[in-house]
Amino acid sequence: MGVPLLIPSQNGFSFNPEETGATFCENTLIKARELHNLIGKNDPVIADDSGLCVDGLGGRPGVLSARYGMTGSNEGKKLTGGEQNLLLLDELGDNPVRSARFVCSMALLFNNDRFYIFQETIEGEIVKKSEMRGEGGFGYDPIFLVPEFGKTLAELTADQKNAISHRGKAGKQIANILKRSTD
């Protein structure tokens, strides 16, 4: 038995909650609860929050990954993925500490008191500016090297990326819960 999954726009909903949490898990629950209230049914919802944590930048951009660079002269202006990548690489500079991870927190919410949250990561390194590469993926993918492949996430096929990515891992956990609940 399959479970239909719909994104908010497929139901005619405009959905852009304010992410005020200090952690990925907090933001995930904010999104899940707001979506559940918006739908107004007893249907479960899935929501996630994700970002890039760079050790050489003290864990930044972290939960602010999507809004990275929107301060100072860029106040309120969303940078493109390419602009964010260049900003991050400039801030990291020649720092030898280039380890990083993508984090995804994903929630399956049945109601405000019954939910599952899974948080998964993919470990890697930030390349130098001259090593940015790849046309696939989005966001920080061209600067995130996956050592076991020797490629950036933007160079991997969709199947390769989904098998190892933070979102892919968290999504598999959610799928297992849904499968058990419909058996």
N, C-alpha and C. Protein backbone atom coordinates (compact mmCIF):
# COMPACT_ATOMS: atom_id res chain seq x y z
N MET A 1 0.84 -1.18 0.00
CA MET A 1 0.00 0.00 0.00
C MET A 1 0.88 1.24 0.00
N GLY A 2 0.73 2.10 -0.96
CA GLY A 2 1.51 3.31 -1.05
C GLY A 2 0.90 4.44 -0.24
N VAL A 3 1.74 5.36 0.15
CA VAL A 3 1.29 6.53 0.89
C VAL A 3 1.54 7.75 0.01
N PRO A 4 0.47 8.48 -0.37
CA PRO A 4 0.70 9.66 -1.21
C PRO A 4 1.38 10.77 -0.41
N LEU A 5 2.38 11.38 -1.02
CA LEU A 5 3.07 12.51 -0.41
C LEU A 5 2.82 13.74 -1.27
N LEU A 6 2.37 14.80 -0.64
CA LEU A 6 2.10 16.05 -1.35
C LEU A 6 2.88 17.17 -0.70
N ILE A 7 3.40 18.06 -1.52
CA ILE A 7 4.04 19.26 -0.98
C ILE A 7 2.95 20.33 -0.82
N PRO A 8 3.16 21.30 0.08
CA PRO A 8 2.11 22.29 0.35
C PRO A 8 1.53 22.95 -0.90
N SER A 9 2.37 23.30 -1.87
CA SER A 9 1.85 23.98 -3.06
C SER A 9 0.89 23.10 -3.86
N GLN A 10 1.04 21.77 -3.76
CA GLN A 10 0.12 20.87 -4.44
C GLN A 10 -1.28 20.91 -3.83
N ASN A 11 -1.37 21.41 -2.60
CA ASN A 11 -2.66 21.57 -1.93
C ASN A 11 -3.12 23.02 -1.96
N GLY A 12 -2.39 23.87 -2.69
CA GLY A 12 -2.76 25.27 -2.78
C GLY A 12 -2.35 26.10 -1.59
N PHE A 13 -1.44 25.60 -0.76
CA PHE A 13 -1.00 26.32 0.44
C PHE A 13 0.28 27.09 0.16
N SER A 14 0.32 28.31 0.65
CA SER A 14 1.57 29.06 0.68
C SER A 14 2.19 28.77 2.03
N PHE A 15 3.41 28.29 2.04
CA PHE A 15 4.02 27.81 3.28
C PHE A 15 5.44 28.31 3.39
N ASN A 16 5.67 29.24 4.31
CA ASN A 16 7.00 29.78 4.52
C ASN A 16 7.13 30.21 5.99
N PRO A 17 7.19 29.23 6.90
CA PRO A 17 7.25 29.58 8.33
C PRO A 17 8.56 30.24 8.71
N GLU A 18 8.50 31.08 9.72
CA GLU A 18 9.70 31.74 10.22
C GLU A 18 10.50 30.74 11.06
N GLU A 19 11.73 30.51 10.66
CA GLU A 19 12.60 29.55 11.35
C GLU A 19 13.33 30.26 12.48
N THR A 20 12.76 30.19 13.68
CA THR A 20 13.32 30.90 14.82
C THR A 20 14.06 29.98 15.78
N GLY A 21 14.15 28.69 15.46
CA GLY A 21 14.82 27.74 16.34
C GLY A 21 16.33 27.92 16.34
N ALA A 22 16.95 27.48 17.42
CA ALA A 22 18.40 27.54 17.55
C ALA A 22 19.06 26.27 17.03
N THR A 23 18.25 25.24 16.76
CA THR A 23 18.79 23.97 16.27
C THR A 23 17.98 23.51 15.05
N PHE A 24 18.55 22.56 14.33
CA PHE A 24 17.83 21.98 13.19
C PHE A 24 16.54 21.31 13.66
N CYS A 25 16.60 20.60 14.78
CA CYS A 25 15.41 19.92 15.30
C CYS A 25 14.31 20.91 15.65
N GLU A 26 14.66 22.01 16.30
CA GLU A 26 13.66 23.02 16.65
C GLU A 26 12.99 23.58 15.40
N ASN A 27 13.78 23.91 14.39
CA ASN A 27 13.20 24.45 13.15
C ASN A 27 12.33 23.42 12.44
N THR A 28 12.74 22.15 12.50
CA THR A 28 11.94 21.09 11.89
C THR A 28 10.58 21.00 12.54
N LEU A 29 10.55 21.05 13.86
CA LEU A 29 9.25 20.98 14.56
C LEU A 29 8.40 22.22 14.31
N ILE A 30 9.02 23.38 14.22
CA ILE A 30 8.28 24.60 13.88
C ILE A 30 7.57 24.41 12.54
N LYS A 31 8.30 23.92 11.55
CA LYS A 31 7.73 23.72 10.22
C LYS A 31 6.64 22.65 10.25
N ALA A 32 6.92 21.53 10.90
CA ALA A 32 5.95 20.43 10.93
C ALA A 32 4.66 20.84 11.62
N ARG A 33 4.77 21.52 12.75
CA ARG A 33 3.57 21.93 13.49
C ARG A 33 2.77 22.97 12.72
N GLU A 34 3.46 23.92 12.10
CA GLU A 34 2.74 24.93 11.32
C GLU A 34 2.03 24.30 10.12
N LEU A 35 2.70 23.38 9.45
CA LEU A 35 2.08 22.71 8.32
C LEU A 35 0.88 21.87 8.77
N HIS A 36 1.03 21.17 9.88
CA HIS A 36 -0.07 20.36 10.41
C HIS A 36 -1.27 21.25 10.75
N ASN A 37 -1.03 22.39 11.38
CA ASN A 37 -2.12 23.32 11.70
C ASN A 37 -2.74 23.91 10.45
N LEU A 38 -1.93 24.18 9.44
CA LEU A 38 -2.41 24.74 8.18
C LEU A 38 -3.33 23.76 7.46
N ILE A 39 -2.95 22.51 7.45
CA ILE A 39 -3.74 21.49 6.77
C ILE A 39 -5.05 21.23 7.51
N GLY A 40 -4.99 21.23 8.84
CA GLY A 40 -6.19 21.08 9.64
C GLY A 40 -6.83 19.71 9.56
N LYS A 41 -6.07 18.69 9.25
CA LYS A 41 -6.59 17.33 9.17
C LYS A 41 -5.81 16.46 10.14
N ASN A 42 -6.19 15.21 10.17
CA ASN A 42 -5.45 14.26 10.99
C ASN A 42 -4.35 13.55 10.20
N ASP A 43 -4.05 14.05 9.01
CA ASP A 43 -3.01 13.45 8.20
C ASP A 43 -1.63 13.78 8.76
N PRO A 44 -0.73 12.82 8.71
CA PRO A 44 0.64 13.12 9.15
C PRO A 44 1.32 14.06 8.17
N VAL A 45 2.32 14.78 8.66
CA VAL A 45 3.11 15.67 7.81
C VAL A 45 4.59 15.35 8.01
N ILE A 46 5.36 15.66 6.99
CA ILE A 46 6.81 15.52 7.03
C ILE A 46 7.40 16.91 6.79
N ALA A 47 8.37 17.27 7.61
CA ALA A 47 9.06 18.55 7.43
C ALA A 47 10.53 18.33 7.75
N ASP A 48 11.37 19.20 7.20
CA ASP A 48 12.79 19.08 7.50
C ASP A 48 13.45 20.44 7.60
N ASP A 49 14.62 20.42 8.19
CA ASP A 49 15.50 21.59 8.19
C ASP A 49 16.90 21.03 8.00
N SER A 50 17.67 21.72 7.22
CA SER A 50 19.02 21.22 6.95
C SER A 50 19.97 22.38 6.74
N GLY A 51 21.24 22.05 6.78
CA GLY A 51 22.25 23.08 6.56
C GLY A 51 23.65 22.50 6.59
N LEU A 52 24.58 23.38 6.34
CA LEU A 52 26.00 23.04 6.28
C LEU A 52 26.70 23.57 7.53
N CYS A 53 27.45 22.70 8.20
CA CYS A 53 28.21 23.09 9.38
C CYS A 53 29.69 22.91 9.07
N VAL A 54 30.44 24.01 9.09
CA VAL A 54 31.86 24.00 8.73
C VAL A 54 32.68 24.20 10.00
N ASP A 55 33.52 23.21 10.30
CA ASP A 55 34.30 23.26 11.54
C ASP A 55 35.23 24.47 11.60
N GLY A 56 35.86 24.84 10.49
CA GLY A 56 36.77 25.98 10.46
C GLY A 56 36.08 27.32 10.64
N LEU A 57 34.74 27.31 10.59
CA LEU A 57 33.95 28.53 10.83
C LEU A 57 33.14 28.40 12.11
N GLY A 58 33.57 27.52 13.01
CA GLY A 58 32.87 27.34 14.28
C GLY A 58 31.47 26.76 14.13
N GLY A 59 31.25 26.00 13.06
CA GLY A 59 29.94 25.39 12.83
C GLY A 59 29.01 26.20 11.95
N ARG A 60 29.44 27.41 11.58
CA ARG A 60 28.61 28.22 10.68
C ARG A 60 28.70 27.66 9.26
N PRO A 61 27.74 27.93 8.44
CA PRO A 61 26.52 28.69 8.66
C PRO A 61 25.44 27.96 9.45
N GLY A 62 25.49 26.65 9.60
CA GLY A 62 24.56 25.93 10.47
C GLY A 62 23.11 26.17 10.14
N VAL A 63 22.30 26.45 11.19
CA VAL A 63 20.86 26.65 10.98
C VAL A 63 20.56 27.88 10.13
N LEU A 64 21.54 28.71 9.92
CA LEU A 64 21.35 29.90 9.08
C LEU A 64 21.83 29.68 7.64
N SER A 65 22.06 28.44 7.24
CA SER A 65 22.62 28.15 5.91
C SER A 65 21.84 28.80 4.78
N ALA A 66 20.52 28.73 4.81
CA ALA A 66 19.71 29.31 3.73
C ALA A 66 19.77 30.83 3.74
N ARG A 67 20.03 31.42 4.91
CA ARG A 67 20.06 32.88 5.05
C ARG A 67 21.48 33.41 5.21
N TYR A 68 22.47 32.57 4.96
CA TYR A 68 23.87 32.94 5.12
C TYR A 68 24.21 34.14 4.23
N GLY A 69 24.82 35.13 4.84
CA GLY A 69 25.23 36.32 4.09
C GLY A 69 24.19 37.42 4.04
N MET A 70 23.09 37.27 4.76
CA MET A 70 22.02 38.28 4.70
C MET A 70 22.16 39.33 5.80
N THR A 71 23.39 39.68 6.14
CA THR A 71 23.63 40.71 7.15
C THR A 71 24.51 41.80 6.56
N GLY A 72 24.75 42.83 7.34
CA GLY A 72 25.61 43.93 6.88
C GLY A 72 25.05 44.59 5.64
N SER A 73 25.86 44.72 4.61
CA SER A 73 25.42 45.41 3.40
C SER A 73 24.39 44.59 2.62
N ASN A 74 24.25 43.32 2.95
CA ASN A 74 23.26 42.45 2.29
C ASN A 74 21.99 42.28 3.12
N GLU A 75 21.80 43.11 4.13
CA GLU A 75 20.65 42.97 5.04
C GLU A 75 19.35 42.77 4.25
N GLY A 76 18.71 41.61 4.51
CA GLY A 76 17.42 41.33 3.88
C GLY A 76 17.51 40.82 2.46
N LYS A 77 18.68 40.80 1.85
CA LYS A 77 18.84 40.35 0.46
C LYS A 77 19.35 38.91 0.47
N LYS A 78 18.57 38.01 -0.12
CA LYS A 78 18.98 36.61 -0.21
C LYS A 78 20.04 36.47 -1.29
N LEU A 79 21.18 35.90 -0.91
CA LEU A 79 22.25 35.66 -1.87
C LEU A 79 21.93 34.41 -2.68
N THR A 80 22.45 34.34 -3.89
CA THR A 80 22.33 33.13 -4.69
C THR A 80 23.24 32.06 -4.08
N GLY A 81 23.03 30.81 -4.48
CA GLY A 81 23.90 29.73 -4.01
C GLY A 81 25.35 29.99 -4.34
N GLY A 82 25.60 30.47 -5.54
CA GLY A 82 26.98 30.78 -5.94
C GLY A 82 27.59 31.87 -5.08
N GLU A 83 26.80 32.90 -4.77
CA GLU A 83 27.29 33.99 -3.91
C GLU A 83 27.57 33.48 -2.50
N GLN A 84 26.71 32.62 -1.99
CA GLN A 84 26.93 32.06 -0.66
C GLN A 84 28.20 31.20 -0.64
N ASN A 85 28.40 30.42 -1.69
CA ASN A 85 29.60 29.59 -1.77
C ASN A 85 30.86 30.44 -1.74
N LEU A 86 30.88 31.51 -2.53
CA LEU A 86 32.06 32.38 -2.57
C LEU A 86 32.28 33.08 -1.24
N LEU A 87 31.21 33.52 -0.60
CA LEU A 87 31.32 34.15 0.71
C LEU A 87 31.91 33.18 1.72
N LEU A 88 31.40 31.96 1.74
CA LEU A 88 31.90 30.95 2.67
C LEU A 88 33.38 30.65 2.42
N LEU A 89 33.73 30.49 1.15
CA LEU A 89 35.13 30.20 0.81
C LEU A 89 36.04 31.37 1.17
N ASP A 90 35.58 32.59 0.98
CA ASP A 90 36.37 33.77 1.37
C ASP A 90 36.55 33.81 2.89
N GLU A 91 35.48 33.53 3.63
CA GLU A 91 35.57 33.55 5.09
C GLU A 91 36.48 32.44 5.60
N LEU A 92 36.44 31.29 4.97
CA LEU A 92 37.28 30.17 5.39
C LEU A 92 38.73 30.40 4.99
N GLY A 93 38.93 31.06 3.86
CA GLY A 93 40.28 31.40 3.40
C GLY A 93 41.19 30.19 3.33
N ASP A 94 42.40 30.33 3.87
CA ASP A 94 43.39 29.26 3.86
C ASP A 94 43.36 28.43 5.14
N ASN A 95 42.30 28.56 5.91
CA ASN A 95 42.17 27.78 7.15
C ASN A 95 42.38 26.30 6.82
N PRO A 96 43.30 25.63 7.50
CA PRO A 96 43.54 24.21 7.21
C PRO A 96 42.41 23.30 7.72
N VAL A 97 41.58 23.81 8.61
CA VAL A 97 40.45 23.02 9.13
C VAL A 97 39.29 23.15 8.15
N ARG A 98 39.12 22.16 7.29
CA ARG A 98 38.12 22.23 6.22
C ARG A 98 37.04 21.17 6.36
N SER A 99 37.06 20.43 7.47
CA SER A 99 36.03 19.40 7.69
C SER A 99 34.66 20.07 7.85
N ALA A 100 33.65 19.38 7.37
CA ALA A 100 32.30 19.93 7.40
C ALA A 100 31.31 18.79 7.31
N ARG A 101 30.06 19.12 7.57
CA ARG A 101 29.00 18.15 7.41
C ARG A 101 27.72 18.86 7.03
N PHE A 102 26.95 18.17 6.21
CA PHE A 102 25.57 18.57 5.98
C PHE A 102 24.74 17.85 7.03
N VAL A 103 23.79 18.56 7.61
CA VAL A 103 22.90 18.00 8.63
C VAL A 103 21.47 18.14 8.12
N CYS A 104 20.69 17.09 8.31
CA CYS A 104 19.26 17.15 8.01
C CYS A 104 18.49 16.60 9.19
N SER A 105 17.61 17.40 9.71
CA SER A 105 16.66 16.97 10.73
C SER A 105 15.32 16.84 10.03
N MET A 106 14.70 15.67 10.13
CA MET A 106 13.42 15.43 9.44
C MET A 106 12.41 14.88 10.45
N ALA A 107 11.22 15.44 10.42
CA ALA A 107 10.17 15.02 11.34
C ALA A 107 9.00 14.41 10.60
N LEU A 108 8.44 13.41 11.20
CA LEU A 108 7.15 12.83 10.80
C LEU A 108 6.22 13.12 11.96
N LEU A 109 5.27 14.03 11.75
CA LEU A 109 4.39 14.48 12.82
C LEU A 109 2.97 13.97 12.57
N PHE A 110 2.45 13.23 13.54
CA PHE A 110 1.06 12.76 13.48
C PHE A 110 0.15 13.76 14.18
N ASN A 111 0.63 14.32 15.29
CA ASN A 111 -0.03 15.42 15.99
C ASN A 111 1.02 16.08 16.88
N ASN A 112 0.65 17.14 17.58
CA ASN A 112 1.64 17.91 18.35
C ASN A 112 2.34 17.09 19.42
N ASP A 113 1.71 15.99 19.85
CA ASP A 113 2.29 15.18 20.91
C ASP A 113 2.86 13.85 20.41
N ARG A 114 2.68 13.55 19.13
CA ARG A 114 3.17 12.28 18.59
C ARG A 114 3.94 12.54 17.31
N PHE A 115 5.25 12.41 17.42
CA PHE A 115 6.10 12.66 16.25
C PHE A 115 7.41 11.92 16.40
N TYR A 116 8.07 11.76 15.27
CA TYR A 116 9.40 11.17 15.21
C TYR A 116 10.31 12.20 14.57
N ILE A 117 11.54 12.31 15.09
CA ILE A 117 12.54 13.17 14.46
C ILE A 117 13.81 12.34 14.26
N PHE A 118 14.34 12.43 13.06
CA PHE A 118 15.60 11.79 12.75
C PHE A 118 16.56 12.87 12.29
N GLN A 119 17.78 12.82 12.78
CA GLN A 119 18.79 13.76 12.33
C GLN A 119 19.97 12.96 11.79
N GLU A 120 20.33 13.23 10.55
CA GLU A 120 21.40 12.51 9.87
C GLU A 120 22.40 13.50 9.30
N THR A 121 23.59 12.98 9.01
CA THR A 121 24.65 13.83 8.46
C THR A 121 25.35 13.12 7.31
N ILE A 122 26.06 13.90 6.55
CA ILE A 122 27.06 13.39 5.61
C ILE A 122 28.32 14.20 5.89
N GLU A 123 29.41 13.49 6.12
CA GLU A 123 30.68 14.14 6.45
C GLU A 123 31.48 14.40 5.18
N GLY A 124 32.22 15.50 5.17
CA GLY A 124 33.04 15.83 4.02
C GLY A 124 34.01 16.94 4.34
N GLU A 125 34.47 17.58 3.28
CA GLU A 125 35.43 18.68 3.41
C GLU A 125 35.04 19.80 2.46
N ILE A 126 35.41 21.01 2.82
CA ILE A 126 35.18 22.15 1.95
C ILE A 126 36.40 22.32 1.05
N VAL A 127 36.16 22.37 -0.25
CA VAL A 127 37.26 22.53 -1.22
C VAL A 127 37.73 23.99 -1.23
N LYS A 128 38.86 24.22 -1.84
CA LYS A 128 39.32 25.59 -2.04
C LYS A 128 38.60 26.18 -3.24
N LYS A 129 38.62 27.50 -3.35
CA LYS A 129 37.88 28.19 -4.40
C LYS A 129 38.23 27.66 -5.79
N SER A 130 39.48 27.37 -6.03
CA SER A 130 39.91 26.88 -7.34
C SER A 130 39.44 25.45 -7.62
N GLU A 131 38.91 24.77 -6.61
CA GLU A 131 38.48 23.38 -6.76
C GLU A 131 36.96 23.22 -6.81
N MET A 132 36.21 24.33 -6.82
CA MET A 132 34.75 24.25 -6.94
C MET A 132 34.41 23.54 -8.24
N ARG A 133 33.49 22.60 -8.17
CA ARG A 133 33.16 21.90 -9.41
C ARG A 133 31.84 21.13 -9.29
N GLY A 134 31.27 20.87 -10.48
CA GLY A 134 30.06 20.07 -10.57
C GLY A 134 28.87 20.92 -10.99
N GLU A 135 27.99 20.30 -11.74
CA GLU A 135 26.80 20.99 -12.24
C GLU A 135 25.52 20.50 -11.57
N GLY A 136 25.60 19.36 -10.87
CA GLY A 136 24.41 18.80 -10.26
C GLY A 136 24.15 19.40 -8.89
N GLY A 137 23.06 18.96 -8.29
CA GLY A 137 22.73 19.41 -6.95
C GLY A 137 22.37 20.88 -6.91
N PHE A 138 22.55 21.48 -5.74
CA PHE A 138 22.22 22.89 -5.56
C PHE A 138 22.98 23.42 -4.34
N GLY A 139 22.85 24.70 -4.09
CA GLY A 139 23.42 25.30 -2.89
C GLY A 139 24.91 25.08 -2.75
N TYR A 140 25.29 24.50 -1.63
CA TYR A 140 26.70 24.32 -1.28
C TYR A 140 27.32 23.08 -1.92
N ASP A 141 26.59 22.33 -2.71
CA ASP A 141 27.09 21.07 -3.29
C ASP A 141 28.41 21.21 -4.05
N PRO A 142 28.64 22.29 -4.82
CA PRO A 142 29.91 22.38 -5.58
C PRO A 142 31.15 22.59 -4.72
N ILE A 143 30.98 22.92 -3.43
CA ILE A 143 32.16 23.14 -2.58
C ILE A 143 32.31 22.06 -1.51
N PHE A 144 31.43 21.07 -1.51
CA PHE A 144 31.44 20.01 -0.50
C PHE A 144 31.99 18.72 -1.10
N LEU A 145 33.21 18.36 -0.71
CA LEU A 145 33.88 17.17 -1.22
C LEU A 145 33.51 15.97 -0.37
N VAL A 146 33.12 14.89 -1.05
CA VAL A 146 32.83 13.62 -0.38
C VAL A 146 34.08 12.75 -0.57
N PRO A 147 34.91 12.61 0.47
CA PRO A 147 36.21 11.95 0.32
C PRO A 147 36.15 10.55 -0.29
N GLU A 148 35.17 9.73 0.10
CA GLU A 148 35.16 8.36 -0.42
C GLU A 148 34.89 8.29 -1.92
N PHE A 149 34.32 9.35 -2.51
CA PHE A 149 34.12 9.41 -3.95
C PHE A 149 35.19 10.26 -4.64
N GLY A 150 35.86 11.13 -3.87
CA GLY A 150 36.82 12.04 -4.48
C GLY A 150 36.13 13.07 -5.37
N LYS A 151 34.85 13.32 -5.10
CA LYS A 151 34.04 14.25 -5.90
C LYS A 151 33.23 15.14 -4.96
N THR A 152 32.83 16.29 -5.50
CA THR A 152 31.90 17.12 -4.75
C THR A 152 30.50 16.54 -4.90
N LEU A 153 29.60 16.94 -4.03
CA LEU A 153 28.21 16.48 -4.15
C LEU A 153 27.62 16.87 -5.49
N ALA A 154 28.06 17.99 -6.05
CA ALA A 154 27.53 18.46 -7.33
C ALA A 154 28.01 17.60 -8.50
N GLU A 155 29.01 16.76 -8.27
CA GLU A 155 29.50 15.87 -9.32
C GLU A 155 28.87 14.48 -9.28
N LEU A 156 28.19 14.17 -8.19
CA LEU A 156 27.58 12.85 -8.05
C LEU A 156 26.27 12.77 -8.83
N THR A 157 25.90 11.56 -9.23
CA THR A 157 24.59 11.38 -9.85
C THR A 157 23.54 11.52 -8.75
N ALA A 158 22.31 11.73 -9.15
CA ALA A 158 21.22 11.86 -8.17
C ALA A 158 21.12 10.58 -7.33
N ASP A 159 21.27 9.42 -7.95
CA ASP A 159 21.19 8.16 -7.20
C ASP A 159 22.33 8.03 -6.20
N GLN A 160 23.54 8.40 -6.60
CA GLN A 160 24.68 8.35 -5.68
C GLN A 160 24.45 9.28 -4.50
N LYS A 161 24.02 10.50 -4.79
CA LYS A 161 23.80 11.48 -3.74
C LYS A 161 22.69 11.03 -2.78
N ASN A 162 21.58 10.55 -3.32
CA ASN A 162 20.46 10.12 -2.47
C ASN A 162 20.83 8.95 -1.57
N ALA A 163 21.75 8.10 -2.02
CA ALA A 163 22.15 6.95 -1.23
C ALA A 163 22.98 7.33 -0.01
N ILE A 164 23.70 8.45 -0.07
CA ILE A 164 24.62 8.80 1.02
C ILE A 164 24.29 10.11 1.72
N SER A 165 23.39 10.89 1.17
CA SER A 165 23.17 12.24 1.69
C SER A 165 22.43 12.24 3.03
N HIS A 166 22.57 13.34 3.71
CA HIS A 166 21.88 13.58 4.97
C HIS A 166 20.37 13.47 4.80
N ARG A 167 19.83 14.06 3.73
CA ARG A 167 18.38 13.98 3.47
C ARG A 167 17.95 12.57 3.10
N GLY A 168 18.76 11.92 2.27
CA GLY A 168 18.45 10.55 1.88
C GLY A 168 18.38 9.62 3.08
N LYS A 169 19.34 9.75 3.99
CA LYS A 169 19.36 8.91 5.19
C LYS A 169 18.16 9.19 6.09
N ALA A 170 17.86 10.47 6.32
CA ALA A 170 16.72 10.81 7.17
C ALA A 170 15.41 10.38 6.51
N GLY A 171 15.31 10.56 5.20
CA GLY A 171 14.12 10.14 4.47
C GLY A 171 13.88 8.65 4.57
N LYS A 172 14.95 7.86 4.55
CA LYS A 172 14.80 6.40 4.69
C LYS A 172 14.25 6.04 6.07
N GLN A 173 14.69 6.76 7.09
CA GLN A 173 14.17 6.52 8.44
C GLN A 173 12.66 6.81 8.50
N ILE A 174 12.26 7.93 7.90
CA ILE A 174 10.84 8.29 7.87
C ILE A 174 10.05 7.25 7.07
N ALA A 175 10.59 6.83 5.93
CA ALA A 175 9.91 5.82 5.11
C ALA A 175 9.70 4.53 5.87
N ASN A 176 10.69 4.14 6.69
CA ASN A 176 10.53 2.92 7.48
C ASN A 176 9.40 3.04 8.50
N ILE A 177 9.28 4.19 9.13
CA ILE A 177 8.17 4.41 10.09
C ILE A 177 6.83 4.36 9.35
N LEU A 178 6.75 5.04 8.21
CA LEU A 178 5.50 5.03 7.44
C LEU A 178 5.14 3.63 6.97
N LYS A 179 6.12 2.88 6.56
CA LYS A 179 5.88 1.51 6.11
C LYS A 179 5.32 0.66 7.25
N ARG A 180 5.92 0.79 8.43
CA ARG A 180 5.43 0.02 9.59
C ARG A 180 4.03 0.44 9.99
N SER A 181 3.72 1.74 9.85
CA SER A 181 2.40 2.22 10.27
C SER A 181 1.30 1.85 9.29
N THR A 182 1.67 1.45 8.05
CA THR A 182 0.64 1.08 7.07
C THR A 182 0.57 -0.43 6.85
N ASP A 183 1.49 -1.18 7.48
CA ASP A 183 1.46 -2.66 7.32
C ASP A 183 0.35 -3.27 8.14
